[in-house]
Protein backbone atom coordinates (compact mmCIF):
# COMPACT_ATOMS: atom_id res chain seq x y z
CA MET A 1 3.74 45.06 34.01
CA LYS A 2 4.52 41.87 35.90
CA LYS A 3 0.81 41.08 36.16
CA LEU A 4 0.40 41.60 32.44
CA LEU A 5 3.27 39.22 31.66
CA THR A 6 1.80 36.69 34.09
CA LEU A 7 -1.45 36.73 32.14
CA LEU A 8 0.15 36.64 28.69
CA LEU A 9 2.80 34.00 29.33
CA PRO A 10 0.43 30.97 29.34
CA LEU A 11 -1.14 32.21 26.12
CA LEU A 12 2.24 32.63 24.49
CA LEU A 13 3.34 29.16 25.53
CA THR A 14 0.20 27.30 24.46
CA GLY A 15 -0.85 29.36 21.47
CA CYS A 16 -3.80 31.72 21.55
CA PHE A 17 -5.51 30.49 18.42
CA LYS A 18 -5.43 27.76 15.83
CA VAL A 19 -6.34 29.47 12.59
CA GLY A 20 -7.69 27.44 9.70
CA PRO A 21 -10.50 24.86 9.58
CA ASN A 22 -10.99 22.03 12.06
CA PHE A 23 -11.36 18.77 10.16
CA HIS A 24 -14.66 16.90 10.12
CA PRO A 25 -15.01 13.62 8.18
CA PRO A 26 -16.95 14.17 4.97
CA MET A 27 -20.27 12.54 4.28
CA ALA A 28 -19.81 9.30 2.39
CA PRO A 29 -22.34 7.24 0.43
CA VAL A 30 -23.93 4.63 2.67
CA GLN A 31 -25.31 1.30 1.48
CA LYS A 32 -27.54 -0.55 3.93
CA GLU A 33 -26.95 -4.07 2.65
CA TRP A 34 -25.33 -5.96 -0.18
CA MET A 35 -27.51 -6.68 -3.17
CA GLU A 36 -26.77 -10.40 -2.85
CA CYS A 37 -27.69 -10.71 0.84
CA GLY A 38 -30.89 -12.47 -0.14
CA GLU A 39 -28.85 -15.43 -1.43
CA PRO A 40 -28.98 -18.47 0.91
CA ASP A 41 -25.20 -18.99 0.80
CA PHE A 42 -24.31 -15.49 2.04
CA ASP A 43 -24.04 -14.54 5.71
CA CYS A 44 -24.30 -10.76 6.03
CA SER A 45 -23.60 -10.63 9.77
CA ASP A 46 -20.38 -9.37 11.37
CA ALA A 47 -17.34 -10.93 9.76
CA ASP A 48 -13.75 -11.48 10.89
CA LEU A 49 -11.70 -11.58 7.69
CA ALA A 50 -8.20 -11.30 9.15
CA ASP A 51 -7.30 -14.84 7.94
CA TRP A 52 -9.76 -15.23 5.07
CA TRP A 53 -7.46 -17.54 3.05
CA THR A 54 -7.98 -20.34 5.58
CA VAL A 55 -11.46 -20.96 4.09
CA PHE A 56 -9.70 -22.78 1.22
CA ASN A 57 -8.16 -25.32 3.63
CA ASP A 58 -4.94 -25.37 1.60
CA PRO A 59 -1.74 -25.59 3.71
CA LYS A 60 0.44 -24.62 0.75
CA LEU A 61 -1.53 -21.41 0.22
CA THR A 62 -1.17 -20.55 3.90
CA GLU A 63 2.56 -21.20 3.72
CA LEU A 64 2.97 -18.91 0.69
CA ILE A 65 1.01 -16.11 2.34
CA GLU A 66 3.08 -16.29 5.53
CA THR A 67 6.25 -16.21 3.42
CA ALA A 68 5.04 -13.15 1.51
CA LYS A 69 4.30 -11.34 4.77
CA CYS A 70 7.91 -11.80 5.85
CA GLN A 71 9.75 -11.35 2.57
CA ASN A 72 7.79 -9.11 0.18
CA LEU A 73 9.86 -6.05 -0.69
CA ASN A 74 6.97 -3.70 -1.41
CA LEU A 75 5.58 -4.46 2.04
CA LYS A 76 8.96 -3.69 3.60
CA THR A 77 9.08 -0.40 1.70
CA ALA A 78 5.64 0.52 3.04
CA ALA A 79 6.84 -0.34 6.55
CA PHE A 80 9.76 2.04 6.23
CA ARG A 81 7.38 4.74 5.02
CA VAL A 82 5.62 4.36 8.38
CA VAL A 83 8.95 4.65 10.19
CA ALA A 84 9.88 7.74 8.16
CA SER A 85 6.51 9.35 8.94
CA ARG A 86 7.03 8.68 12.63
CA TYR A 87 10.40 10.45 12.60
CA LEU A 88 8.92 13.31 10.60
CA LEU A 89 6.25 13.72 13.26
CA ALA A 90 8.94 13.86 15.94
CA ILE A 91 10.74 16.56 13.92
CA THR A 92 7.52 18.54 13.58
CA VAL A 93 6.79 18.32 17.30
CA GLY A 94 10.26 19.74 17.92
CA GLU A 95 9.35 22.85 15.91
CA TRP A 96 6.85 23.80 18.62
CA PHE A 97 9.69 24.32 21.12
CA PRO A 98 12.41 27.01 20.75
CA GLN A 99 13.59 26.60 17.20
CA LEU A 100 17.15 27.76 17.92
CA GLN A 101 18.99 26.39 20.95
CA GLU A 102 22.72 26.58 20.42
CA LEU A 103 25.67 26.50 22.74
CA VAL A 104 28.02 29.04 21.15
CA GLY A 105 31.51 30.16 21.87
CA ASP A 106 34.25 32.08 20.12
CA ALA A 107 37.66 33.59 20.70
CA THR A 108 38.61 36.65 18.69
CA ARG A 109 42.07 38.28 18.53
CA THR A 110 41.85 41.99 17.66
CA GLY A 111 44.55 44.45 16.65
CA ILE A 112 43.51 48.12 16.24
CA SER A 113 45.43 50.59 14.11
CA ARG A 114 47.41 53.23 15.98
CA ASN A 115 45.90 55.83 13.62
CA ALA A 116 42.32 54.78 14.35
CA PRO A 117 40.18 57.28 16.28
CA ASN A 118 39.87 57.07 20.07
CA THR A 119 42.82 54.71 20.52
CA LEU A 120 45.02 56.94 22.66
CA PHE A 121 44.09 55.30 25.95
CA ALA A 122 42.53 52.09 24.60
CA ASP A 123 43.96 48.60 24.41
CA ARG A 124 44.98 48.14 20.79
CA PHE A 125 45.74 44.44 21.02
CA PHE A 126 43.45 42.06 22.93
CA TRP A 127 41.50 38.80 22.92
CA ASN A 128 37.71 38.67 23.21
CA PHE A 129 36.07 35.50 24.57
CA ASN A 130 32.35 34.52 24.44
CA LEU A 131 30.64 31.43 25.81
CA GLY A 132 26.91 30.94 26.32
CA LEU A 133 23.49 29.78 25.14
CA LEU A 134 21.84 31.46 22.16
CA THR A 135 18.13 30.86 21.67
CA SER A 136 15.30 31.99 19.42
CA TRP A 137 11.67 30.99 19.75
CA GLU A 138 8.81 31.81 17.42
CA ILE A 139 5.76 31.58 19.67
CA ASP A 140 2.97 29.47 18.24
CA PHE A 141 0.53 32.35 18.68
CA TRP A 142 -1.65 31.40 15.68
CA GLY A 143 -1.33 27.63 16.00
CA LYS A 144 0.91 27.21 12.97
CA PHE A 145 3.12 24.61 14.62
CA GLN A 146 0.17 22.83 16.23
CA ARG A 147 -1.45 22.54 12.81
CA GLY A 148 1.83 21.21 11.50
CA ILE A 149 1.83 18.57 14.24
CA GLU A 150 -1.76 17.65 13.34
CA SER A 151 -0.79 17.29 9.68
CA ALA A 152 2.27 15.15 10.45
CA SER A 153 0.25 12.97 12.84
CA ASP A 154 -2.44 12.39 10.21
CA ASP A 155 0.26 11.64 7.64
CA LEU A 156 1.64 9.02 10.03
CA TRP A 157 -1.77 7.36 10.29
CA ALA A 158 -2.16 7.56 6.50
CA SER A 159 1.20 5.78 6.05
CA TYR A 160 0.12 3.13 8.57
CA TYR A 161 -3.05 2.41 6.64
CA ASN A 162 -1.10 2.51 3.39
CA TYR A 163 1.00 -0.32 4.82
CA ASN A 164 -2.14 -2.30 5.59
CA ASP A 165 -3.53 -1.56 2.14
CA VAL A 166 -0.32 -2.91 0.58
CA LEU A 167 -0.72 -5.97 2.83
CA VAL A 168 -4.34 -6.53 1.74
CA ILE A 169 -3.39 -6.27 -1.93
CA LEU A 170 -0.32 -8.49 -1.46
CA LEU A 171 -2.22 -11.34 0.19
CA ALA A 172 -4.91 -11.24 -2.50
CA ASP A 173 -2.26 -11.21 -5.24
CA VAL A 174 -0.42 -14.16 -3.70
CA ALA A 175 -3.64 -16.16 -3.43
CA SER A 176 -4.71 -15.21 -6.97
CA SER A 177 -1.32 -16.19 -8.38
CA TYR A 178 -1.49 -19.50 -6.55
CA ILE A 179 -4.98 -20.22 -7.90
CA SER A 180 -3.85 -19.33 -11.42
CA ILE A 181 -0.87 -21.69 -11.09
CA ARG A 182 -3.03 -24.56 -9.87
CA THR A 183 -5.54 -23.90 -12.66
CA LEU A 184 -2.82 -23.99 -15.30
CA GLU A 185 -1.38 -27.18 -13.81
CA GLU A 186 -4.78 -28.84 -13.96
CA ARG A 187 -5.32 -27.70 -17.55
CA ILE A 188 -1.93 -29.14 -18.48
CA GLN A 189 -2.85 -32.44 -16.84
CA ILE A 190 -6.13 -32.48 -18.77
CA LEU A 191 -4.30 -31.98 -22.06
CA LYS A 192 -1.73 -34.66 -21.26
CA HIS A 193 -4.49 -37.11 -20.35
CA ASN A 194 -6.34 -36.42 -23.59
CA ILE A 195 -3.13 -36.64 -25.60
CA LYS A 196 -2.67 -40.19 -24.31
CA ILE A 197 -6.23 -41.05 -25.28
CA GLN A 198 -5.87 -39.49 -28.73
CA ALA A 199 -2.51 -41.22 -29.26
CA ARG A 200 -4.17 -44.56 -28.48
CA SER A 201 -6.97 -43.70 -30.90
CA LEU A 202 -4.39 -42.96 -33.61
CA GLU A 203 -2.84 -46.38 -33.06
CA ILE A 204 -6.25 -47.99 -33.50
CA VAL A 205 -6.96 -46.00 -36.66
CA GLU A 206 -3.55 -46.85 -38.15
CA ALA A 207 -4.13 -50.54 -37.44
CA ARG A 208 -7.54 -50.43 -39.12
CA TRP A 209 -6.04 -48.56 -42.10
CA GLN A 210 -3.28 -51.16 -42.51
CA ALA A 211 -5.97 -53.82 -42.34
CA GLY A 212 -7.80 -52.07 -45.14
CA VAL A 213 -10.88 -51.36 -43.06
CA VAL A 214 -10.68 -47.55 -43.32
CA THR A 215 -9.09 -45.04 -45.64
CA GLU A 216 -6.01 -42.90 -45.04
CA LEU A 217 -8.33 -39.96 -44.41
CA ASP A 218 -9.15 -41.30 -40.95
CA VAL A 219 -5.44 -41.58 -40.16
CA GLN A 220 -4.68 -38.00 -41.18
CA GLN A 221 -7.68 -36.68 -39.24
CA ALA A 222 -6.50 -38.53 -36.12
CA ARG A 223 -2.96 -37.15 -36.53
CA THR A 224 -4.33 -33.62 -37.02
CA LEU A 225 -6.34 -33.79 -33.80
CA LEU A 226 -3.40 -35.20 -31.84
CA SER A 227 -0.97 -32.56 -33.13
CA ALA A 228 -3.46 -29.76 -32.47
CA THR A 229 -3.94 -30.94 -28.89
CA ARG A 230 -0.19 -31.23 -28.36
CA ALA A 231 0.26 -27.71 -29.78
CA ARG A 232 -1.78 -26.28 -26.94
CA LEU A 233 0.69 -27.50 -24.33
CA PRO A 234 3.65 -25.11 -24.94
CA ALA A 235 1.53 -22.01 -24.46
CA LEU A 236 0.11 -23.33 -21.19
CA GLU A 237 3.57 -24.33 -19.96
CA ALA A 238 4.86 -20.84 -20.77
CA ASP A 239 1.92 -19.28 -18.93
CA LEU A 240 2.68 -21.51 -15.96
CA ARG A 241 6.29 -20.38 -15.85
CA VAL A 242 5.25 -16.73 -16.14
CA ALA A 243 2.74 -17.17 -13.30
CA LYS A 244 5.39 -18.75 -11.08
CA ASN A 245 7.83 -15.96 -11.89
CA GLY A 246 5.20 -13.42 -10.87
CA LEU A 247 4.59 -15.29 -7.61
CA SER A 248 8.31 -15.34 -6.89
CA VAL A 249 8.40 -11.52 -6.91
CA LEU A 250 5.48 -11.43 -4.47
CA LEU A 251 7.38 -13.81 -2.20
CA GLY A 252 10.55 -11.74 -2.42
CA ALA A 253 12.38 -14.68 -3.96
CA ALA A 254 14.26 -15.32 -7.20
CA PRO A 255 12.35 -17.19 -9.95
CA GLY A 256 14.78 -20.07 -9.67
CA ASP A 257 13.68 -20.67 -6.08
CA MET A 258 10.07 -21.44 -6.96
CA ASP A 259 10.73 -25.18 -7.11
CA TYR A 260 11.34 -24.98 -3.37
CA TYR A 261 7.96 -23.36 -2.71
CA LEU A 262 5.96 -25.33 -5.32
CA ASP A 263 7.75 -28.65 -5.58
CA GLU A 264 4.91 -30.58 -7.21
CA PRO A 265 1.64 -29.90 -9.05
CA GLY A 266 -1.56 -29.58 -7.05
CA THR A 267 -5.28 -29.21 -7.49
CA ILE A 268 -7.42 -26.10 -7.57
CA PRO A 269 -8.51 -25.18 -4.01
CA GLU A 270 -12.22 -25.53 -3.51
CA ALA A 271 -14.04 -22.39 -2.38
CA PRO A 272 -16.71 -22.85 0.30
CA LYS A 273 -20.33 -22.53 -0.68
CA ASN A 274 -21.25 -20.42 2.33
CA ILE A 275 -19.28 -17.24 2.98
CA VAL A 276 -19.49 -14.42 5.53
CA VAL A 277 -19.37 -10.94 4.00
CA GLY A 278 -20.51 -8.64 6.82
CA ILE A 279 -22.50 -5.44 6.37
CA PRO A 280 -21.60 -2.52 4.07
CA ALA A 281 -21.05 -0.10 6.98
CA GLN A 282 -18.13 -2.22 8.18
CA ILE A 283 -16.23 -1.54 5.00
CA LEU A 284 -15.61 2.07 6.05
CA CYS A 285 -13.58 0.80 8.99
CA ARG A 286 -12.13 -2.37 7.48
CA ARG A 287 -10.82 -1.07 4.16
CA PRO A 288 -7.38 0.45 4.87
CA ASP A 289 -7.38 2.50 1.65
CA ILE A 290 -10.57 4.25 2.82
CA ARG A 291 -8.95 5.08 6.15
CA GLN A 292 -5.79 6.21 4.38
CA SER A 293 -7.81 8.53 2.16
CA LEU A 294 -9.60 9.96 5.22
CA TYR A 295 -6.36 10.73 7.07
CA GLU A 296 -4.86 12.25 3.93
CA ALA A 297 -7.81 14.65 3.83
CA ALA A 298 -7.33 15.44 7.53
CA ALA A 299 -3.62 16.12 7.02
CA GLN A 300 -4.41 18.45 4.14
CA SER A 301 -6.98 20.29 6.26
CA ALA A 302 -4.26 21.03 8.83
CA ARG A 303 -2.00 22.37 6.08
CA ILE A 304 -4.62 25.02 5.36
CA GLY A 305 -4.13 26.22 8.94
CA VAL A 306 -0.34 26.30 8.48
CA ALA A 307 -0.72 28.41 5.35
CA THR A 308 -3.30 30.69 7.00
CA ALA A 309 -0.98 31.38 9.93
CA GLU A 310 1.52 32.93 7.51
CA LEU A 311 -0.94 35.80 6.97
CA TYR A 312 -0.45 36.96 10.57
CA PRO A 313 2.59 38.44 12.33
CA ALA A 314 5.14 35.99 13.68
CA ILE A 315 5.92 36.74 17.33
CA SER A 316 9.37 35.67 18.46
CA ILE A 317 11.63 35.84 21.48
CA SER A 318 15.40 35.82 21.08
CA GLY A 319 18.03 35.85 23.74
CA PHE A 320 21.52 35.06 24.90
CA ILE A 321 22.87 34.15 28.29
CA GLY A 322 26.53 33.49 28.89
CA LEU A 323 29.97 34.91 29.61
CA GLU A 324 32.05 37.52 27.80
CA SER A 325 35.52 38.79 28.62
CA SER A 326 38.27 40.72 26.91
CA ALA A 327 41.96 40.52 27.82
CA ASP A 328 45.20 41.69 26.35
CA THR A 329 46.81 38.29 26.78
CA MET A 330 45.60 34.72 26.84
CA SER A 331 46.91 34.26 30.34
CA THR A 332 44.86 37.15 31.66
CA ALA A 333 41.72 35.71 30.05
CA SER A 334 42.32 32.36 31.66
CA GLY A 335 43.19 33.46 35.15
CA GLY A 336 43.73 37.19 35.65
CA GLY A 337 41.45 40.00 36.68
CA GLY A 338 39.51 39.67 33.38
CA SER A 339 38.78 35.95 33.80
CA LEU A 340 36.06 34.61 31.48
CA PHE A 341 34.57 32.56 34.29
CA SER A 342 34.28 35.35 36.85
CA THR A 343 30.95 36.80 37.91
CA ASP A 344 31.84 40.09 36.25
CA SER A 345 31.83 38.30 32.85
CA PHE A 346 28.11 37.40 33.06
CA ASN A 347 26.25 38.67 29.98
CA TYR A 348 22.72 38.35 28.59
CA PHE A 349 20.16 39.97 26.37
CA PHE A 350 16.43 39.40 25.83
CA SER A 351 14.67 40.56 22.67
CA PRO A 352 10.94 40.15 21.89
CA SER A 353 10.13 40.87 18.24
CA PHE A 354 7.57 40.38 15.51
CA ALA A 355 7.70 40.05 11.76
CA TRP A 356 4.71 40.53 9.47
CA LYS A 357 4.80 39.70 5.78
CA ILE A 358 2.56 42.56 4.70
CA PHE A 359 3.92 42.95 1.18
CA ASN A 360 3.59 39.44 -0.23
CA TYR A 361 1.80 40.30 -3.49
CA GLY A 362 -0.97 37.81 -2.80
CA ARG A 363 1.39 34.85 -2.55
CA LEU A 364 0.29 33.89 0.96
CA ARG A 365 -3.42 34.09 0.16
CA ASN A 366 -2.84 32.11 -3.01
CA ARG A 367 -1.03 29.52 -0.92
CA VAL A 368 -4.08 29.24 1.34
CA SER A 369 -6.33 28.88 -1.71
CA PHE A 370 -4.01 26.26 -3.17
CA GLU A 371 -4.03 24.19 0.04
CA TYR A 372 -7.82 24.45 0.21
CA SER A 373 -8.13 23.26 -3.40
CA VAL A 374 -5.97 20.25 -2.62
CA PHE A 375 -8.13 19.61 0.45
CA CYS A 376 -11.26 19.55 -1.72
CA GLN A 377 -9.57 17.00 -3.96
CA ARG A 378 -8.79 14.81 -0.93
CA MET A 379 -12.39 14.99 0.26
CA ILE A 380 -13.74 13.97 -3.15
CA SER A 381 -11.11 11.24 -3.41
CA TYR A 382 -12.32 9.81 -0.08
CA GLN A 383 -15.93 9.72 -1.25
CA ASN A 384 -14.89 8.14 -4.55
CA THR A 385 -12.82 5.52 -2.71
CA VAL A 386 -15.91 4.53 -0.73
CA LEU A 387 -17.96 4.18 -3.92
CA LEU A 388 -15.26 2.09 -5.60
CA ALA A 389 -15.12 -0.16 -2.54
CA TYR A 390 -18.86 -0.82 -2.72
CA ARG A 391 -18.58 -1.55 -6.42
CA GLU A 392 -15.64 -3.95 -5.98
CA VAL A 393 -17.52 -5.93 -3.33
CA GLU A 394 -20.67 -6.13 -5.44
CA ASP A 395 -18.62 -7.18 -8.49
CA GLY A 396 -16.89 -9.90 -6.48
CA LEU A 397 -20.11 -11.25 -5.00
CA ILE A 398 -22.06 -11.46 -8.27
CA THR A 399 -19.07 -13.02 -10.03
CA PHE A 400 -18.77 -15.58 -7.24
CA ILE A 401 -22.45 -16.53 -7.64
CA LYS A 402 -22.45 -16.75 -11.41
CA THR A 403 -19.16 -18.63 -11.73
CA GLN A 404 -20.55 -21.26 -9.37
CA ASP A 405 -23.58 -21.63 -11.64
CA GLU A 406 -21.27 -21.81 -14.64
CA ALA A 407 -19.09 -24.48 -13.02
CA ASP A 408 -22.13 -26.61 -12.15
CA LEU A 409 -23.35 -26.51 -15.74
CA LEU A 410 -19.87 -27.21 -17.13
CA ALA A 411 -19.53 -30.22 -14.80
CA LYS A 412 -22.66 -31.68 -16.39
CA SER A 413 -21.29 -30.80 -19.83
CA VAL A 414 -18.01 -32.58 -19.10
CA SER A 415 -19.86 -35.69 -17.95
CA SER A 416 -21.93 -35.71 -21.14
CA ALA A 417 -18.86 -35.04 -23.32
CA GLN A 418 -16.99 -37.95 -21.74
CA ARG A 419 -19.90 -40.28 -22.39
CA ALA A 420 -20.29 -39.00 -25.97
CA ALA A 421 -16.59 -39.52 -26.70
CA GLU A 422 -16.74 -43.05 -25.31
CA LEU A 423 -19.79 -43.91 -27.42
CA ALA A 424 -18.24 -42.42 -30.56
CA ARG A 425 -15.07 -44.50 -30.18
CA ASN A 426 -17.04 -47.71 -29.58
CA GLN A 427 -19.26 -47.10 -32.59
CA TYR A 428 -16.23 -46.33 -34.74
CA VAL A 429 -14.47 -49.55 -33.71
CA GLU A 430 -17.67 -51.50 -34.42
CA GLY A 431 -17.91 -49.84 -37.80
CA LEU A 432 -21.21 -48.12 -37.03
CA ASP A 433 -19.92 -44.56 -37.56
CA ASP A 434 -17.07 -42.73 -39.30
CA TYR A 435 -14.12 -41.07 -37.64
CA THR A 436 -15.56 -37.55 -37.99
CA ARG A 437 -17.84 -38.18 -35.01
CA VAL A 438 -14.84 -39.30 -32.92
CA LEU A 439 -12.95 -36.11 -33.85
CA GLU A 440 -15.84 -33.90 -32.86
CA THR A 441 -16.46 -35.58 -29.53
CA ASP A 442 -12.76 -35.70 -28.58
CA ARG A 443 -12.30 -32.02 -29.45
CA THR A 444 -15.42 -31.09 -27.49
CA LEU A 445 -14.26 -33.13 -24.51
CA VAL A 446 -10.91 -31.33 -24.29
CA ASP A 447 -12.58 -27.93 -24.56
CA GLN A 448 -15.21 -28.70 -21.94
CA GLU A 449 -12.74 -30.14 -19.44
CA GLU A 450 -10.52 -27.10 -19.82
CA GLN A 451 -13.43 -24.70 -19.45
CA HIS A 452 -14.56 -26.54 -16.34
CA ALA A 453 -11.10 -26.20 -14.80
CA ILE A 454 -11.02 -22.51 -15.67
CA SER A 455 -14.46 -21.93 -14.15
CA ARG A 456 -13.44 -23.68 -10.92
CA GLY A 457 -10.40 -21.44 -10.76
CA ASN A 458 -12.60 -18.42 -11.40
CA ILE A 459 -14.78 -19.33 -8.41
CA ALA A 460 -11.76 -19.13 -6.14
CA LEU A 461 -10.48 -15.97 -7.84
CA SER A 462 -13.82 -14.21 -7.46
CA LEU A 463 -13.93 -15.10 -3.76
CA ILE A 464 -10.41 -13.73 -3.34
CA ARG A 465 -11.45 -10.51 -5.09
CA THR A 466 -14.41 -10.27 -2.74
CA TYR A 467 -12.27 -10.64 0.38
CA ARG A 468 -9.81 -8.11 -1.01
CA ALA A 469 -12.65 -5.67 -1.72
CA LEU A 470 -13.90 -6.17 1.85
CA GLY A 471 -10.45 -5.23 3.16
CA GLY A 472 -9.67 -8.62 4.64
CA GLY A 473 -6.18 -9.71 5.63
CA TRP A 474 -5.03 -7.29 8.33
């Protein structure tokens, strides 16, 4: 018997089996290279994108990003999710050891009726004292608790990568908000500059009208253009305030504090022509949401094992070791012949047992099937996350290329519009053309300058989207 216990004890302590599937990462779509790698401005070698925002060479942007890292509330919430997952793992590890370990004690005063049976020679009034350690241990024979530890560990890793995913999104959002603010500020400056020019033109037209050189029609047309240009300012100023309010939330600051962070208008940061994007295979390791999805699938795989273990008998060991004494008075219990702390008071019991849920009406098997169905969802979600990552990178790269082409063409358009507006004004003053040509060229100039500013902002925004899609920033 002793030999048999010697052989079985290590198995009982370590767990004989781990029922349920062992997790293997699913096959994911693999792309060998980015479609734009043939472009001369793209470097598809290994890339370090931890501090991608430094490519803009904008100290204010760097300052805002560092502030967001320290103060953003969503990031802090994600950090505490990691802490909570770590404690949950510690709790789960504790389940592998004896589940019940209690120091117990009680004192009971008993009085037995004189008319009760078998009380003729018995003590009818006495105290009963107990003190000892009560324990109960469900042996992890089927690996249920080990699977639970695996699941909690994978959940911890998933929460860690969720934190990094929140960080990646946060940094991209801060940079995008900053670019949008600088773009709006530049558009406002463009409008104000053109308003001054149009106001000067109105003065010239009014002077020519008073001199009888032109009709009142020219004056009203000039006033219409000036008022229309001025009317575009309030909407842009409102958009600017809204963009700053949005940035304040990302920084974990009140909207009224934004004047401290952005004390004066600035220019749109220039994106570099040459960028490093790495190879597609790197995205599987760099994107934190892909890693999070993978660990979520692994955690769910372990839950299948936990549910499967419920189909088998639970083997437990219960026991008590301690002291027990009865006495007819408190003084006897504390120091007489029936002392609680004498060797004669030593008491213990040891009780192996098993429990098997044989009549569960299919609930346990349905639980296994349910956990497996959720696992299949996690696996598909992982594969879909990989596909979406590839798509987001490709979208960012092609947008970056085409917005650069657009900005180059709009720069030429702005130069031509400026020259056309200058010629139209000179010809109008010399009496060689009517004011309609001036209106058309001034209106076109404002539109083209605004579109050029927007396209320059879009270049930076598309590059930010690309770095976000590549998982840069952590």
